[in-house]
Amino acid sequence: MKTIIAEKPSVAREIARIVGATKREEGYFEGGGYAVTWAFGHLVQLAMPDGYGIRGFVRDNLPVIPDTFTLVPRQTKTEKGYKPDSGVAAQIKVIATLFNRSEQIIVATDAGREGELIFRYLYHYTGCTTPFVRLWISSLTDKAIRDGLRNLEDGSRYDSLYL
């Protein structure tokens, strides 16, 4: 099975239709040898300063540049600080399961730096090692999706964009 990951549910729906993934599951579509899932934006982000032990705003702590940056699920601010968004955690679990079951990942996040970053943060956060290729399209027409699927490129070609 191949997993296609889009940035938004609406994009995933269009791609799923083209590849024949018509069976709706919780957090993805499946069929035709594909699972098509989505990230609904930044599911994984860099930890906030308090994630590195820095509490409150102190000018002397700026800039905050830790030795190693930590990735965390998207969080929401509460009265007691930040906590993971439960919907985000559930979708990350779905994506991690699909990534691990797959022989290949097709990255269909938006064509650009932010789309690449959304995927790479998820990829690293989940500890995934499944090989990935890039679907680079700027239109959701049936023709554009089909042409893009015929011209997938090795994911490493986009390392500089991610970095």
C-alpha atoms as a PDB file:
ATOM      1  CA  MET A   1       0.000   0.000   0.000  1.00  0.00           C
ATOM      2  CA  LYS A   2       1.043   3.585  -0.650  1.00  0.00           C
ATOM      3  CA  THR A   3       0.011   6.448   1.592  1.00  0.00           C
ATOM      4  CA  ILE A   4      -0.664   9.871   0.131  1.00  0.00           C
ATOM      5  CA  ILE A   5      -0.615  12.734   2.616  1.00  0.00           C
ATOM      6  CA  ALA A   6      -2.256  16.036   1.738  1.00  0.00           C
ATOM      7  CA  GLU A   7      -2.223  19.248   3.726  1.00  0.00           C
ATOM      8  CA  LYS A   8      -5.993  19.612   3.926  1.00  0.00           C
ATOM      9  CA  PRO A   9      -8.984  17.230   3.937  1.00  0.00           C
ATOM     10  CA  SER A  10     -10.450  18.861   0.813  1.00  0.00           C
ATOM     11  CA  VAL A  11      -7.272  18.173  -1.178  1.00  0.00           C
ATOM     12  CA  ALA A  12      -7.122  14.601   0.157  1.00  0.00           C
ATOM     13  CA  ARG A  13     -10.717  14.060  -0.994  1.00  0.00           C
ATOM     14  CA  GLU A  14      -9.887  15.127  -4.565  1.00  0.00           C
ATOM     15  CA  ILE A  15      -6.760  12.976  -4.757  1.00  0.00           C
ATOM     16  CA  ALA A  16      -8.581   9.992  -3.188  1.00  0.00           C
ATOM     17  CA  ARG A  17     -11.249  10.219  -5.871  1.00  0.00           C
ATOM     18  CA  ILE A  18      -8.617  10.113  -8.624  1.00  0.00           C
ATOM     19  CA  VAL A  19      -6.724   7.104  -7.186  1.00  0.00           C
ATOM     20  CA  GLY A  20      -9.878   5.154  -6.311  1.00  0.00           C
ATOM     21  CA  ALA A  21      -9.585   5.419  -2.533  1.00  0.00           C
ATOM     22  CA  THR A  22     -13.333   5.647  -1.957  1.00  0.00           C
ATOM     23  CA  LYS A  23     -13.731   3.835   1.376  1.00  0.00           C
ATOM     24  CA  ARG A  24     -13.979   6.418   4.143  1.00  0.00           C
ATOM     25  CA  GLU A  25     -12.157   5.547   7.380  1.00  0.00           C
ATOM     26  CA  GLU A  26     -11.452   7.622  10.490  1.00  0.00           C
ATOM     27  CA  GLY A  27      -8.871  10.178   9.319  1.00  0.00           C
ATOM     28  CA  TYR A  28      -8.282   8.791   5.822  1.00  0.00           C
ATOM     29  CA  PHE A  29      -9.682   7.251   2.642  1.00  0.00           C
ATOM     30  CA  GLU A  30      -8.643   3.806   1.427  1.00  0.00           C
ATOM     31  CA  GLY A  31      -8.857   1.849  -1.813  1.00  0.00           C
ATOM     32  CA  GLY A  32      -7.053   1.037  -5.026  1.00  0.00           C
ATOM     33  CA  GLY A  33      -3.837   0.242  -3.154  1.00  0.00           C
ATOM     34  CA  TYR A  34      -3.767   3.676  -1.526  1.00  0.00           C
ATOM     35  CA  ALA A  35      -4.535   5.305   1.783  1.00  0.00           C
ATOM     36  CA  VAL A  36      -5.075   9.055   1.448  1.00  0.00           C
ATOM     37  CA  THR A  37      -4.833  11.109   4.625  1.00  0.00           C
ATOM     38  CA  TRP A  38      -4.371  14.749   5.588  1.00  0.00           C
ATOM     39  CA  ALA A  39      -2.601  16.987   8.052  1.00  0.00           C
ATOM     40  CA  PHE A  40      -5.112  19.882   8.410  1.00  0.00           C
ATOM     41  CA  GLY A  41      -2.215  22.312   8.708  1.00  0.00           C
ATOM     42  CA  HIS A  42       0.626  22.162  11.189  1.00  0.00           C
ATOM     43  CA  LEU A  43      -0.038  19.077  13.304  1.00  0.00           C
ATOM     44  CA  VAL A  44       3.515  19.142  14.647  1.00  0.00           C
ATOM     45  CA  GLN A  45       5.395  22.260  15.683  1.00  0.00           C
ATOM     46  CA  LEU A  46       8.495  23.363  17.517  1.00  0.00           C
ATOM     47  CA  ALA A  47       8.107  23.356  21.302  1.00  0.00           C
ATOM     48  CA  MET A  48       7.298  26.663  22.980  1.00  0.00           C
ATOM     49  CA  PRO A  49      10.015  28.225  25.205  1.00  0.00           C
ATOM     50  CA  ASP A  50       8.535  26.618  28.331  1.00  0.00           C
ATOM     51  CA  GLY A  51       9.212  23.255  26.643  1.00  0.00           C
ATOM     52  CA  TYR A  52      12.895  24.076  27.097  1.00  0.00           C
ATOM     53  CA  GLY A  53      12.503  25.184  30.714  1.00  0.00           C
ATOM     54  CA  ILE A  54      12.137  28.914  30.014  1.00  0.00           C
ATOM     55  CA  ARG A  55       9.226  30.406  31.961  1.00  0.00           C
ATOM     56  CA  GLY A  56       7.818  33.876  31.433  1.00  0.00           C
ATOM     57  CA  PHE A  57       9.240  36.666  29.324  1.00  0.00           C
ATOM     58  CA  VAL A  58      12.757  37.658  30.307  1.00  0.00           C
ATOM     59  CA  ARG A  59      14.694  39.748  27.819  1.00  0.00           C
ATOM     60  CA  ASP A  60      17.968  38.077  28.863  1.00  0.00           C
ATOM     61  CA  ASN A  61      16.610  34.696  27.658  1.00  0.00           C
ATOM     62  CA  LEU A  62      16.350  35.962  24.070  1.00  0.00           C
ATOM     63  CA  PRO A  63      16.953  34.627  21.562  1.00  0.00           C
ATOM     64  CA  VAL A  64      15.769  31.155  22.546  1.00  0.00           C
ATOM     65  CA  ILE A  65      18.028  28.811  20.566  1.00  0.00           C
ATOM     66  CA  PRO A  66      18.158  25.360  22.165  1.00  0.00           C
ATOM     67  CA  ASP A  67      20.939  22.879  21.386  1.00  0.00           C
ATOM     68  CA  THR A  68      18.301  20.586  19.861  1.00  0.00           C
ATOM     69  CA  PHE A  69      14.861  21.711  18.760  1.00  0.00           C
ATOM     70  CA  THR A  70      11.987  19.600  20.049  1.00  0.00           C
ATOM     71  CA  LEU A  71       8.931  18.728  17.951  1.00  0.00           C
ATOM     72  CA  VAL A  72       5.578  18.473  19.729  1.00  0.00           C
ATOM     73  CA  PRO A  73       1.966  18.007  18.608  1.00  0.00           C
ATOM     74  CA  ARG A  74       0.156  21.290  17.980  1.00  0.00           C
ATOM     75  CA  GLN A  75      -0.863  22.727  21.315  1.00  0.00           C
ATOM     76  CA  THR A  76      -3.581  24.981  22.636  1.00  0.00           C
ATOM     77  CA  LYS A  77      -3.052  27.566  25.336  1.00  0.00           C
ATOM     78  CA  THR A  78      -4.971  27.073  28.570  1.00  0.00           C
ATOM     79  CA  GLU A  79      -4.942  28.874  31.897  1.00  0.00           C
ATOM     80  CA  LYS A  80      -2.370  26.349  33.109  1.00  0.00           C
ATOM     81  CA  GLY A  81      -0.092  26.578  30.077  1.00  0.00           C
ATOM     82  CA  TYR A  82      -0.017  24.681  26.813  1.00  0.00           C
ATOM     83  CA  LYS A  83      -1.548  21.263  26.237  1.00  0.00           C
ATOM     84  CA  PRO A  84      -1.753  19.020  23.141  1.00  0.00           C
ATOM     85  CA  ASP A  85      -4.879  19.373  21.001  1.00  0.00           C
ATOM     86  CA  SER A  86      -6.725  16.024  21.271  1.00  0.00           C
ATOM     87  CA  GLY A  87      -7.957  16.096  17.647  1.00  0.00           C
ATOM     88  CA  VAL A  88      -4.412  16.690  16.462  1.00  0.00           C
ATOM     89  CA  ALA A  89      -3.074  13.811  18.580  1.00  0.00           C
ATOM     90  CA  ALA A  90      -5.686  11.463  17.096  1.00  0.00           C
ATOM     91  CA  GLN A  91      -4.830  12.449  13.502  1.00  0.00           C
ATOM     92  CA  ILE A  92      -1.087  12.069  14.156  1.00  0.00           C
ATOM     93  CA  LYS A  93      -1.784   8.537  15.407  1.00  0.00           C
ATOM     94  CA  VAL A  94      -3.713   7.730  12.202  1.00  0.00           C
ATOM     95  CA  ILE A  95      -0.917   9.137  10.037  1.00  0.00           C
ATOM     96  CA  ALA A  96       1.813   7.279  11.962  1.00  0.00           C
ATOM     97  CA  THR A  97      -0.078   3.999  11.558  1.00  0.00           C
ATOM     98  CA  LEU A  98      -0.510   4.554   7.812  1.00  0.00           C
ATOM     99  CA  PHE A  99       3.137   5.578   7.351  1.00  0.00           C
ATOM    100  CA  ASN A 100       4.298   2.409   9.114  1.00  0.00           C
ATOM    101  CA  ARG A 101       1.987   0.147   7.053  1.00  0.00           C
ATOM    102  CA  SER A 102       3.112   1.670   3.756  1.00  0.00           C
ATOM    103  CA  GLU A 103       5.753   0.706   1.254  1.00  0.00           C
ATOM    104  CA  GLN A 104       5.928   4.316   0.052  1.00  0.00           C
ATOM    105  CA  ILE A 105       4.644   7.749   1.060  1.00  0.00           C
ATOM    106  CA  ILE A 106       3.531  10.254  -1.551  1.00  0.00           C
ATOM    107  CA  VAL A 107       3.847  13.789  -0.209  1.00  0.00           C
ATOM    108  CA  ALA A 108       0.971  15.868  -1.555  1.00  0.00           C
ATOM    109  CA  THR A 109       1.145  18.780   0.858  1.00  0.00           C
ATOM    110  CA  ASP A 110       1.004  22.219  -0.760  1.00  0.00           C
ATOM    111  CA  ALA A 111       3.758  22.945  -3.267  1.00  0.00           C
ATOM    112  CA  GLY A 112       6.065  25.233  -1.309  1.00  0.00           C
ATOM    113  CA  ARG A 113       8.235  25.560   1.780  1.00  0.00           C
ATOM    114  CA  GLU A 114       5.404  25.468   4.296  1.00  0.00           C
ATOM    115  CA  GLY A 115       3.842  22.350   2.774  1.00  0.00           C
ATOM    116  CA  GLU A 116       7.216  20.611   2.798  1.00  0.00           C
ATOM    117  CA  LEU A 117       7.781  21.618   6.431  1.00  0.00           C
ATOM    118  CA  ILE A 118       4.361  20.301   7.488  1.00  0.00           C
ATOM    119  CA  PHE A 119       5.211  16.873   6.067  1.00  0.00           C
ATOM    120  CA  ARG A 120       8.814  16.731   7.286  1.00  0.00           C
ATOM    121  CA  TYR A 121       7.883  17.650  10.867  1.00  0.00           C
ATOM    122  CA  LEU A 122       5.298  14.841  10.858  1.00  0.00           C
ATOM    123  CA  TYR A 123       7.765  12.426   9.273  1.00  0.00           C
ATOM    124  CA  HIS A 124      10.447  13.134  11.879  1.00  0.00           C
ATOM    125  CA  TYR A 125       8.056  13.325  14.826  1.00  0.00           C
ATOM    126  CA  THR A 126       6.608   9.889  14.049  1.00  0.00           C
ATOM    127  CA  GLY A 127      10.081   8.405  13.580  1.00  0.00           C
ATOM    128  CA  CYS A 128       9.118   7.229  10.112  1.00  0.00           C
ATOM    129  CA  THR A 129      11.709   5.697   7.786  1.00  0.00           C
ATOM    130  CA  THR A 130       9.403   4.724   4.904  1.00  0.00           C
ATOM    131  CA  PRO A 131      10.728   6.122   1.594  1.00  0.00           C
ATOM    132  CA  PHE A 132       8.823   9.087   0.201  1.00  0.00           C
ATOM    133  CA  VAL A 133       8.305  10.797  -3.130  1.00  0.00           C
ATOM    134  CA  ARG A 134       6.861  14.209  -3.935  1.00  0.00           C
ATOM    135  CA  LEU A 135       3.664  15.029  -5.807  1.00  0.00           C
ATOM    136  CA  TRP A 136       4.233  18.591  -6.956  1.00  0.00           C
ATOM    137  CA  ILE A 137       1.039  20.151  -8.313  1.00  0.00           C
ATOM    138  CA  SER A 138      -0.388  23.653  -8.241  1.00  0.00           C
ATOM    139  CA  SER A 139      -3.902  22.778  -9.380  1.00  0.00           C
ATOM    140  CA  LEU A 140      -6.521  20.256  -8.278  1.00  0.00           C
ATOM    141  CA  THR A 141      -7.908  19.505 -11.702  1.00  0.00           C
ATOM    142  CA  ASP A 142      -8.163  15.810 -12.541  1.00  0.00           C
ATOM    143  CA  LYS A 143      -5.544  16.272 -15.272  1.00  0.00           C
ATOM    144  CA  ALA A 144      -3.076  18.031 -12.949  1.00  0.00           C
ATOM    145  CA  ILE A 145      -3.396  15.310 -10.298  1.00  0.00           C
ATOM    146  CA  ARG A 146      -2.984  12.494 -12.835  1.00  0.00           C
ATOM    147  CA  ASP A 147       0.001  14.205 -14.481  1.00  0.00           C
ATOM    148  CA  GLY A 148       1.581  14.790 -11.073  1.00  0.00           C
ATOM    149  CA  LEU A 149       1.118  11.141 -10.077  1.00  0.00           C
ATOM    150  CA  ARG A 150       2.871  10.094 -13.302  1.00  0.00           C
ATOM    151  CA  ASN A 151       5.796  12.434 -12.541  1.00  0.00           C
ATOM    152  CA  LEU A 152       6.592  11.800  -8.881  1.00  0.00           C
ATOM    153  CA  GLU A 153      10.061  12.895  -7.790  1.00  0.00           C
ATOM    154  CA  ASP A 154      12.354  11.522  -5.094  1.00  0.00           C
ATOM    155  CA  GLY A 155      11.676  13.316  -1.813  1.00  0.00           C
ATOM    156  CA  SER A 156      15.349  14.113  -1.283  1.00  0.00           C
ATOM    157  CA  ARG A 157      15.156  16.586  -4.197  1.00  0.00           C
ATOM    158  CA  TYR A 158      13.199  18.818  -1.802  1.00  0.00           C
ATOM    159  CA  ASP A 159      15.602  18.647   1.160  1.00  0.00           C
ATOM    160  CA  SER A 160      16.841  22.191   0.550  1.00  0.00           C
ATOM    161  CA  LEU A 161      13.284  23.489   0.471  1.00  0.00           C
ATOM    162  CA  TYR A 162      12.631  21.882   3.845  1.00  0.00           C
ATOM    163  CA  LEU A 163      15.876  23.113   5.364  1.00  0.00           C
END
